[in-house]
Amino acid sequence: MKGDRVEIVIDIGTGVQTFEIEASKSGRRVEVTTSRGVVEVAEVTRTGKPVRSGRFMADRVVALVEHPAEQPPSRRRPGRAPRGQSALL
């Protein structure tokens, strides 16, 4: 979903370095996969085609933080209480 992002903190020996991969357009998402000592973070389209990706050695990853996109406030219309139930307010 647009706005989803993943922040990766890597140990570079003399300190840490932060990388960020974000779903930049509508319909894209960020996927994280781990296999054989490699962490891969990729922005993919609806069809699964990777647009941007980063590969990191798993033993160098200090932190991997997923930040989901903020949901817009719901547009719930005020209405009647369901039959047989009284309103709470």
PDB file of N, CA and C in Angstrom:
ATOM      1  N   MET A   1       0.840  -1.164   0.000  1.00  0.00           N
ATOM      2  CA  MET A   1       0.000   0.000   0.000  1.00  0.00           C
ATOM      3  C   MET A   1       0.893   1.238   0.000  1.00  0.00           C
ATOM      4  N   LYS A   2       0.498   2.244  -0.727  1.00  0.00           N
ATOM      5  CA  LYS A   2       1.298   3.463  -0.791  1.00  0.00           C
ATOM      6  C   LYS A   2       1.512   4.010   0.610  1.00  0.00           C
ATOM      7  N   GLY A   3       2.739   4.340   0.919  1.00  0.00           N
ATOM      8  CA  GLY A   3       3.088   4.869   2.235  1.00  0.00           C
ATOM      9  C   GLY A   3       3.725   3.846   3.142  1.00  0.00           C
ATOM     10  N   ASP A   4       3.567   2.549   2.841  1.00  0.00           N
ATOM     11  CA  ASP A   4       4.253   1.520   3.621  1.00  0.00           C
ATOM     12  C   ASP A   4       5.748   1.709   3.437  1.00  0.00           C
ATOM     13  N   ARG A   5       6.503   1.542   4.510  1.00  0.00           N
ATOM     14  CA  ARG A   5       7.952   1.639   4.369  1.00  0.00           C
ATOM     15  C   ARG A   5       8.633   0.711   5.349  1.00  0.00           C
ATOM     16  N   VAL A   6       9.846   0.328   5.002  1.00  0.00           N
ATOM     17  CA  VAL A   6      10.659  -0.535   5.843  1.00  0.00           C
ATOM     18  C   VAL A   6      11.985   0.166   6.066  1.00  0.00           C
ATOM     19  N   GLU A   7      12.401   0.227   7.311  1.00  0.00           N
ATOM     20  CA  GLU A   7      13.655   0.861   7.696  1.00  0.00           C
ATOM     21  C   GLU A   7      14.608  -0.248   8.125  1.00  0.00           C
ATOM     22  N   ILE A   8      15.803  -0.269   7.543  1.00  0.00           N
ATOM     23  CA  ILE A   8      16.791  -1.300   7.828  1.00  0.00           C
ATOM     24  C   ILE A   8      18.035  -0.625   8.406  1.00  0.00           C
ATOM     25  N   VAL A   9      18.484  -1.094   9.561  1.00  0.00           N
ATOM     26  CA  VAL A   9      19.691  -0.558  10.199  1.00  0.00           C
ATOM     27  C   VAL A   9      20.771  -1.628  10.086  1.00  0.00           C
ATOM     28  N   ILE A  10      21.899  -1.259   9.467  1.00  0.00           N
ATOM     29  CA  ILE A  10      22.987  -2.188   9.168  1.00  0.00           C
ATOM     30  C   ILE A  10      24.248  -1.796   9.936  1.00  0.00           C
ATOM     31  N   ASP A  11      24.938  -2.788  10.485  1.00  0.00           N
ATOM     32  CA  ASP A  11      26.233  -2.586  11.144  1.00  0.00           C
ATOM     33  C   ASP A  11      27.300  -2.502  10.055  1.00  0.00           C
ATOM     34  N   ILE A  12      28.005  -1.374   9.986  1.00  0.00           N
ATOM     35  CA  ILE A  12      29.035  -1.216   8.955  1.00  0.00           C
ATOM     36  C   ILE A  12      30.449  -1.275   9.527  1.00  0.00           C
ATOM     37  N   GLY A  13      30.568  -1.742  10.767  1.00  0.00           N
ATOM     38  CA  GLY A  13      31.891  -1.882  11.381  1.00  0.00           C
ATOM     39  C   GLY A  13      32.253  -0.701  12.251  1.00  0.00           C
ATOM     40  N   THR A  14      32.155   0.508  11.722  1.00  0.00           N
ATOM     41  CA  THR A  14      32.497   1.705  12.492  1.00  0.00           C
ATOM     42  C   THR A  14      31.255   2.380  13.055  1.00  0.00           C
ATOM     43  N   GLY A  15      30.121   1.797  12.852  1.00  0.00           N
ATOM     44  CA  GLY A  15      28.850   2.372  13.307  1.00  0.00           C
ATOM     45  C   GLY A  15      27.708   1.658  12.618  1.00  0.00           C
ATOM     46  N   VAL A  16      26.618   2.378  12.452  1.00  0.00           N
ATOM     47  CA  VAL A  16      25.472   1.816  11.753  1.00  0.00           C
ATOM     48  C   VAL A  16      25.041   2.754  10.632  1.00  0.00           C
ATOM     49  N   GLN A  17      24.383   2.180   9.642  1.00  0.00           N
ATOM     50  CA  GLN A  17      23.848   2.956   8.525  1.00  0.00           C
ATOM     51  C   GLN A  17      22.398   2.546   8.342  1.00  0.00           C
ATOM     52  N   THR A  18      21.535   3.523   8.047  1.00  0.00           N
ATOM     53  CA  THR A  18      20.111   3.269   7.906  1.00  0.00           C
ATOM     54  C   THR A  18      19.696   3.377   6.444  1.00  0.00           C
ATOM     55  N   PHE A  19      18.927   2.387   6.005  1.00  0.00           N
ATOM     56  CA  PHE A  19      18.354   2.392   4.660  1.00  0.00           C
ATOM     57  C   PHE A  19      16.844   2.361   4.799  1.00  0.00           C
ATOM     58  N   GLU A  20      16.147   2.939   3.827  1.00  0.00           N
ATOM     59  CA  GLU A  20      14.696   2.975   3.879  1.00  0.00           C
ATOM     60  C   GLU A  20      14.139   2.671   2.494  1.00  0.00           C
ATOM     61  N   ILE A  21      13.198   1.741   2.430  1.00  0.00           N
ATOM     62  CA  ILE A  21      12.527   1.422   1.170  1.00  0.00           C
ATOM     63  C   ILE A  21      11.045   1.648   1.390  1.00  0.00           C
ATOM     64  N   GLU A  22      10.426   2.439   0.494  1.00  0.00           N
ATOM     65  CA  GLU A  22       9.036   2.853   0.664  1.00  0.00           C
ATOM     66  C   GLU A  22       8.223   2.531  -0.580  1.00  0.00           C
ATOM     67  N   ALA A  23       6.955   2.163  -0.380  1.00  0.00           N
ATOM     68  CA  ALA A  23       6.025   1.975  -1.492  1.00  0.00           C
ATOM     69  C   ALA A  23       5.617   3.370  -1.951  1.00  0.00           C
ATOM     70  N   SER A  24       6.176   3.810  -3.072  1.00  0.00           N
ATOM     71  CA  SER A  24       6.050   5.208  -3.472  1.00  0.00           C
ATOM     72  C   SER A  24       4.799   5.537  -4.286  1.00  0.00           C
ATOM     73  N   LYS A  25       4.170   4.545  -4.885  1.00  0.00           N
ATOM     74  CA  LYS A  25       2.981   4.809  -5.702  1.00  0.00           C
ATOM     75  C   LYS A  25       1.828   3.927  -5.255  1.00  0.00           C
ATOM     76  N   SER A  26       0.647   4.338  -5.627  1.00  0.00           N
ATOM     77  CA  SER A  26      -0.543   3.572  -5.283  1.00  0.00           C
ATOM     78  C   SER A  26      -0.487   2.184  -5.918  1.00  0.00           C
ATOM     79  N   GLY A  27      -0.855   1.166  -5.179  1.00  0.00           N
ATOM     80  CA  GLY A  27      -0.855  -0.200  -5.693  1.00  0.00           C
ATOM     81  C   GLY A  27       0.442  -0.942  -5.456  1.00  0.00           C
ATOM     82  N   ARG A  28       1.450  -0.273  -4.974  1.00  0.00           N
ATOM     83  CA  ARG A  28       2.720  -0.949  -4.683  1.00  0.00           C
ATOM     84  C   ARG A  28       2.784  -1.319  -3.216  1.00  0.00           C
ATOM     85  N   ARG A  29       3.606  -2.310  -2.910  1.00  0.00           N
ATOM     86  CA  ARG A  29       3.770  -2.757  -1.539  1.00  0.00           C
ATOM     87  C   ARG A  29       5.235  -3.088  -1.296  1.00  0.00           C
ATOM     88  N   VAL A  30       5.585  -3.259  -0.027  1.00  0.00           N
ATOM     89  CA  VAL A  30       6.955  -3.594   0.344  1.00  0.00           C
ATOM     90  C   VAL A  30       6.946  -5.009   0.908  1.00  0.00           C
ATOM     91  N   GLU A  31       7.818  -5.861   0.375  1.00  0.00           N
ATOM     92  CA  GLU A  31       7.921  -7.248   0.833  1.00  0.00           C
ATOM     93  C   GLU A  31       9.296  -7.488   1.428  1.00  0.00           C
ATOM     94  N   VAL A  32       9.329  -8.257   2.514  1.00  0.00           N
ATOM     95  CA  VAL A  32      10.582  -8.617   3.177  1.00  0.00           C
ATOM     96  C   VAL A  32      10.715 -10.130   3.126  1.00  0.00           C
ATOM     97  N   THR A  33      11.847 -10.620   2.616  1.00  0.00           N
ATOM     98  CA  THR A  33      12.105 -12.064   2.590  1.00  0.00           C
ATOM     99  C   THR A  33      13.480 -12.329   3.190  1.00  0.00           C
ATOM    100  N   THR A  34      13.581 -13.466   3.863  1.00  0.00           N
ATOM    101  CA  THR A  34      14.847 -13.874   4.467  1.00  0.00           C
ATOM    102  C   THR A  34      15.141 -15.297   4.050  1.00  0.00           C
ATOM    103  N   SER A  35      16.318 -15.517   3.477  1.00  0.00           N
ATOM    104  CA  SER A  35      16.712 -16.878   3.109  1.00  0.00           C
ATOM    105  C   SER A  35      18.227 -16.952   2.986  1.00  0.00           C
ATOM    106  N   ARG A  36      18.779 -18.061   3.487  1.00  0.00           N
ATOM    107  CA  ARG A  36      20.208 -18.353   3.370  1.00  0.00           C
ATOM    108  C   ARG A  36      21.115 -17.207   3.802  1.00  0.00           C
ATOM    109  N   GLY A  37      20.765 -16.562   4.898  1.00  0.00           N
ATOM    110  CA  GLY A  37      21.622 -15.515   5.433  1.00  0.00           C
ATOM    111  C   GLY A  37      21.517 -14.179   4.723  1.00  0.00           C
ATOM    112  N   VAL A  38      20.491 -14.002   3.892  1.00  0.00           N
ATOM    113  CA  VAL A  38      20.300 -12.750   3.165  1.00  0.00           C
ATOM    114  C   VAL A  38      18.888 -12.233   3.431  1.00  0.00           C
ATOM    115  N   VAL A  39      18.798 -10.957   3.775  1.00  0.00           N
ATOM    116  CA  VAL A  39      17.509 -10.298   3.950  1.00  0.00           C
ATOM    117  C   VAL A  39      17.294  -9.420   2.730  1.00  0.00           C
ATOM    118  N   GLU A  40      16.170  -9.619   2.044  1.00  0.00           N
ATOM    119  CA  GLU A  40      15.864  -8.814   0.864  1.00  0.00           C
ATOM    120  C   GLU A  40      14.592  -8.032   1.115  1.00  0.00           C
ATOM    121  N   VAL A  41      14.651  -6.727   0.872  1.00  0.00           N
ATOM    122  CA  VAL A  41      13.502  -5.848   1.015  1.00  0.00           C
ATOM    123  C   VAL A  41      13.237  -5.268  -0.368  1.00  0.00           C
ATOM    124  N   ALA A  42      12.002  -5.450  -0.875  1.00  0.00           N
ATOM    125  CA  ALA A  42      11.699  -5.023  -2.237  1.00  0.00           C
ATOM    126  C   ALA A  42      10.366  -4.303  -2.307  1.00  0.00           C
ATOM    127  N   GLU A  43      10.333  -3.252  -3.109  1.00  0.00           N
ATOM    128  CA  GLU A  43       9.077  -2.589  -3.455  1.00  0.00           C
ATOM    129  C   GLU A  43       8.573  -3.278  -4.717  1.00  0.00           C
ATOM    130  N   VAL A  44       7.372  -3.807  -4.679  1.00  0.00           N
ATOM    131  CA  VAL A  44       6.839  -4.547  -5.818  1.00  0.00           C
ATOM    132  C   VAL A  44       5.517  -3.955  -6.282  1.00  0.00           C
ATOM    133  N   THR A  45       5.223  -4.163  -7.577  1.00  0.00           N
ATOM    134  CA  THR A  45       3.965  -3.694  -8.148  1.00  0.00           C
ATOM    135  C   THR A  45       2.853  -4.676  -7.832  1.00  0.00           C
ATOM    136  N   ARG A  46       1.648  -4.375  -8.301  1.00  0.00           N
ATOM    137  CA  ARG A  46       0.508  -5.264  -8.083  1.00  0.00           C
ATOM    138  C   ARG A  46       0.744  -6.647  -8.670  1.00  0.00           C
ATOM    139  N   THR A  47       1.472  -6.709  -9.767  1.00  0.00           N
ATOM    140  CA  THR A  47       1.715  -7.990 -10.436  1.00  0.00           C
ATOM    141  C   THR A  47       2.896  -8.749  -9.842  1.00  0.00           C
ATOM    142  N   GLY A  48       3.604  -8.135  -8.891  1.00  0.00           N
ATOM    143  CA  GLY A  48       4.730  -8.800  -8.236  1.00  0.00           C
ATOM    144  C   GLY A  48       6.083  -8.493  -8.830  1.00  0.00           C
ATOM    145  N   LYS A  49       6.130  -7.580  -9.799  1.00  0.00           N
ATOM    146  CA  LYS A  49       7.400  -7.205 -10.423  1.00  0.00           C
ATOM    147  C   LYS A  49       8.162  -6.247  -9.492  1.00  0.00           C
ATOM    148  N   PRO A  50       9.400  -6.589  -9.117  1.00  0.00           N
ATOM    149  CA  PRO A  50      10.160  -5.699  -8.228  1.00  0.00           C
ATOM    150  C   PRO A  50      10.562  -4.406  -8.941  1.00  0.00           C
ATOM    151  N   VAL A  51      10.373  -3.301  -8.237  1.00  0.00           N
ATOM    152  CA  VAL A  51      10.734  -1.984  -8.771  1.00  0.00           C
ATOM    153  C   VAL A  51      12.058  -1.537  -8.176  1.00  0.00           C
ATOM    154  N   ARG A  52      12.196  -1.728  -6.878  1.00  0.00           N
ATOM    155  CA  ARG A  52      13.390  -1.319  -6.154  1.00  0.00           C
ATOM    156  C   ARG A  52      13.633  -2.359  -5.078  1.00  0.00           C
ATOM    157  N   SER A  53      14.871  -2.713  -4.855  1.00  0.00           N
ATOM    158  CA  SER A  53      15.137  -3.719  -3.826  1.00  0.00           C
ATOM    159  C   SER A  53      16.498  -3.483  -3.184  1.00  0.00           C
ATOM    160  N   GLY A  54      16.654  -4.077  -2.027  1.00  0.00           N
ATOM    161  CA  GLY A  54      17.923  -4.016  -1.319  1.00  0.00           C
ATOM    162  C   GLY A  54      18.193  -5.371  -0.689  1.00  0.00           C
ATOM    163  N   ARG A  55      19.442  -5.838  -0.776  1.00  0.00           N
ATOM    164  CA  ARG A  55      19.837  -7.109  -0.173  1.00  0.00           C
ATOM    165  C   ARG A  55      20.897  -6.831   0.880  1.00  0.00           C
ATOM    166  N   PHE A  56      20.713  -7.474   2.033  1.00  0.00           N
ATOM    167  CA  PHE A  56      21.608  -7.246   3.152  1.00  0.00           C
ATOM    168  C   PHE A  56      21.983  -8.580   3.778  1.00  0.00           C
ATOM    169  N   MET A  57      23.222  -8.709   4.231  1.00  0.00           N
ATOM    170  CA  MET A  57      23.640  -9.918   4.936  1.00  0.00           C
ATOM    171  C   MET A  57      22.926  -9.940   6.286  1.00  0.00           C
ATOM    172  N   ALA A  58      22.282 -11.057   6.606  1.00  0.00           N
ATOM    173  CA  ALA A  58      21.460 -11.147   7.817  1.00  0.00           C
ATOM    174  C   ALA A  58      22.270 -10.919   9.085  1.00  0.00           C
ATOM    175  N   ASP A  59      23.534 -11.340   9.118  1.00  0.00           N
ATOM    176  CA  ASP A  59      24.326 -11.149  10.329  1.00  0.00           C
ATOM    177  C   ASP A  59      24.748  -9.694  10.537  1.00  0.00           C
ATOM    178  N   ARG A  60      24.573  -8.842   9.536  1.00  0.00           N
ATOM    179  CA  ARG A  60      24.884  -7.414   9.655  1.00  0.00           C
ATOM    180  C   ARG A  60      23.653  -6.575   9.994  1.00  0.00           C
ATOM    181  N   VAL A  61      22.457  -7.158   9.894  1.00  0.00           N
ATOM    182  CA  VAL A  61      21.227  -6.409  10.163  1.00  0.00           C
ATOM    183  C   VAL A  61      21.060  -6.241  11.671  1.00  0.00           C
ATOM    184  N   VAL A  62      21.023  -4.996  12.112  1.00  0.00           N
ATOM    185  CA  VAL A  62      20.834  -4.677  13.519  1.00  0.00           C
ATOM    186  C   VAL A  62      19.343  -4.593  13.826  1.00  0.00           C
ATOM    187  N   ALA A  63      18.581  -3.936  12.937  1.00  0.00           N
ATOM    188  CA  ALA A  63      17.141  -3.783  13.145  1.00  0.00           C
ATOM    189  C   ALA A  63      16.450  -3.684  11.792  1.00  0.00           C
ATOM    190  N   LEU A  64      15.246  -4.204  11.766  1.00  0.00           N
ATOM    191  CA  LEU A  64      14.406  -4.107  10.573  1.00  0.00           C
ATOM    192  C   LEU A  64      13.022  -3.707  11.087  1.00  0.00           C
ATOM    193  N   VAL A  65      12.609  -2.493  10.752  1.00  0.00           N
ATOM    194  CA  VAL A  65      11.369  -1.935  11.295  1.00  0.00           C
ATOM    195  C   VAL A  65      10.401  -1.677  10.157  1.00  0.00           C
ATOM    196  N   GLU A  66       9.206  -2.258  10.262  1.00  0.00           N
ATOM    197  CA  GLU A  66       8.168  -2.045   9.256  1.00  0.00           C
ATOM    198  C   GLU A  66       7.231  -0.957   9.754  1.00  0.00           C
ATOM    199  N   HIS A  67       7.000   0.055   8.905  1.00  0.00           N
ATOM    200  CA  HIS A  67       6.098   1.153   9.231  1.00  0.00           C
ATOM    201  C   HIS A  67       4.916   1.089   8.269  1.00  0.00           C
ATOM    202  N   PRO A  68       3.750   0.611   8.723  1.00  0.00           N
ATOM    203  CA  PRO A  68       2.593   0.572   7.832  1.00  0.00           C
ATOM    204  C   PRO A  68       2.073   1.981   7.562  1.00  0.00           C
ATOM    205  N   ALA A  69       1.433   2.151   6.418  1.00  0.00           N
ATOM    206  CA  ALA A  69       0.854   3.446   6.071  1.00  0.00           C
ATOM    207  C   ALA A  69      -0.277   3.754   7.030  1.00  0.00           C
ATOM    208  N   GLU A  70      -0.452   5.017   7.319  1.00  0.00           N
ATOM    209  CA  GLU A  70      -1.540   5.410   8.197  1.00  0.00           C
ATOM    210  C   GLU A  70      -2.851   5.302   7.441  1.00  0.00           C
ATOM    211  N   GLN A  71      -3.843   4.706   8.091  1.00  0.00           N
ATOM    212  CA  GLN A  71      -5.162   4.562   7.483  1.00  0.00           C
ATOM    213  C   GLN A  71      -5.903   5.886   7.573  1.00  0.00           C
ATOM    214  N   PRO A  72      -6.556   6.295   6.491  1.00  0.00           N
ATOM    215  CA  PRO A  72      -7.360   7.516   6.582  1.00  0.00           C
ATOM    216  C   PRO A  72      -8.545   7.272   7.516  1.00  0.00           C
ATOM    217  N   PRO A  73      -9.047   8.316   8.189  1.00  0.00           N
ATOM    218  CA  PRO A  73     -10.181   8.112   9.095  1.00  0.00           C
ATOM    219  C   PRO A  73     -11.384   7.582   8.323  1.00  0.00           C
ATOM    220  N   SER A  74     -12.089   6.644   8.948  1.00  0.00           N
ATOM    221  CA  SER A  74     -13.233   6.038   8.259  1.00  0.00           C
ATOM    222  C   SER A  74     -14.355   7.053   8.134  1.00  0.00           C
ATOM    223  N   ARG A  75     -15.087   6.947   7.065  1.00  0.00           N
ATOM    224  CA  ARG A  75     -16.202   7.854   6.809  1.00  0.00           C
ATOM    225  C   ARG A  75     -17.507   7.142   7.143  1.00  0.00           C
ATOM    226  N   ARG A  76     -17.623   6.799   8.387  1.00  0.00           N
ATOM    227  CA  ARG A  76     -18.806   6.079   8.822  1.00  0.00           C
ATOM    228  C   ARG A  76     -19.936   7.071   9.030  1.00  0.00           C
ATOM    229  N   ARG A  77     -21.036   6.800   8.379  1.00  0.00           N
ATOM    230  CA  ARG A  77     -22.180   7.696   8.504  1.00  0.00           C
ATOM    231  C   ARG A  77     -22.940   7.381   9.783  1.00  0.00           C
ATOM    232  N   PRO A  78     -23.359   8.414  10.485  1.00  0.00           N
ATOM    233  CA  PRO A  78     -24.185   8.146  11.662  1.00  0.00           C
ATOM    234  C   PRO A  78     -25.529   7.588  11.203  1.00  0.00           C
ATOM    235  N   GLY A  79     -26.004   6.628  11.903  1.00  0.00           N
ATOM    236  CA  GLY A  79     -27.275   6.017  11.509  1.00  0.00           C
ATOM    237  C   GLY A  79     -28.020   5.524  12.720  1.00  0.00           C
ATOM    238  N   ARG A  80     -29.040   4.777  12.455  1.00  0.00           N
ATOM    239  CA  ARG A  80     -29.849   4.223  13.534  1.00  0.00           C
ATOM    240  C   ARG A  80     -29.137   3.040  14.170  1.00  0.00           C
ATOM    241  N   ALA A  81     -29.486   2.771  15.396  1.00  0.00           N
ATOM    242  CA  ALA A  81     -29.000   1.573  16.056  1.00  0.00           C
ATOM    243  C   ALA A  81     -29.730   0.381  15.442  1.00  0.00           C
ATOM    244  N   PRO A  82     -29.079  -0.764  15.329  1.00  0.00           N
ATOM    245  CA  PRO A  82     -29.751  -1.949  14.788  1.00  0.00           C
ATOM    246  C   PRO A  82     -30.997  -2.286  15.606  1.00  0.00           C
ATOM    247  N   ARG A  83     -31.948  -2.919  14.955  1.00  0.00           N
ATOM    248  CA  ARG A  83     -33.207  -3.270  15.630  1.00  0.00           C
ATOM    249  C   ARG A  83     -32.942  -4.133  16.836  1.00  0.00           C
ATOM    250  N   GLY A  84     -33.659  -3.839  17.906  1.00  0.00           N
ATOM    251  CA  GLY A  84     -33.537  -4.633  19.109  1.00  0.00           C
ATOM    252  C   GLY A  84     -32.382  -4.187  20.001  1.00  0.00           C
ATOM    253  N   GLN A  85     -31.612  -3.169  19.573  1.00  0.00           N
ATOM    254  CA  GLN A  85     -30.510  -2.673  20.386  1.00  0.00           C
ATOM    255  C   GLN A  85     -30.675  -1.184  20.580  1.00  0.00           C
ATOM    256  N   SER A  86     -30.391  -0.720  21.747  1.00  0.00           N
ATOM    257  CA  SER A  86     -30.483   0.704  21.998  1.00  0.00           C
ATOM    258  C   SER A  86     -29.142   1.352  21.691  1.00  0.00           C
ATOM    259  N   ALA A  87     -29.182   2.621  21.405  1.00  0.00           N
ATOM    260  CA  ALA A  87     -27.959   3.362  21.117  1.00  0.00           C
ATOM    261  C   ALA A  87     -27.144   3.510  22.404  1.00  0.00           C
ATOM    262  N   LEU A  88     -25.833   3.551  22.283  1.00  0.00           N
ATOM    263  CA  LEU A  88     -24.966   3.676  23.452  1.00  0.00           C
ATOM    264  C   LEU A  88     -24.929   5.093  23.996  1.00  0.00           C
ATOM    265  N   LEU A  89     -25.188   6.070  23.163  1.00  0.00           N
ATOM    266  CA  LEU A  89     -25.129   7.464  23.634  1.00  0.00           C
ATOM    267  C   LEU A  89     -26.492   8.054  23.773  1.00  0.00           C
TER     268      LEU A  89
END
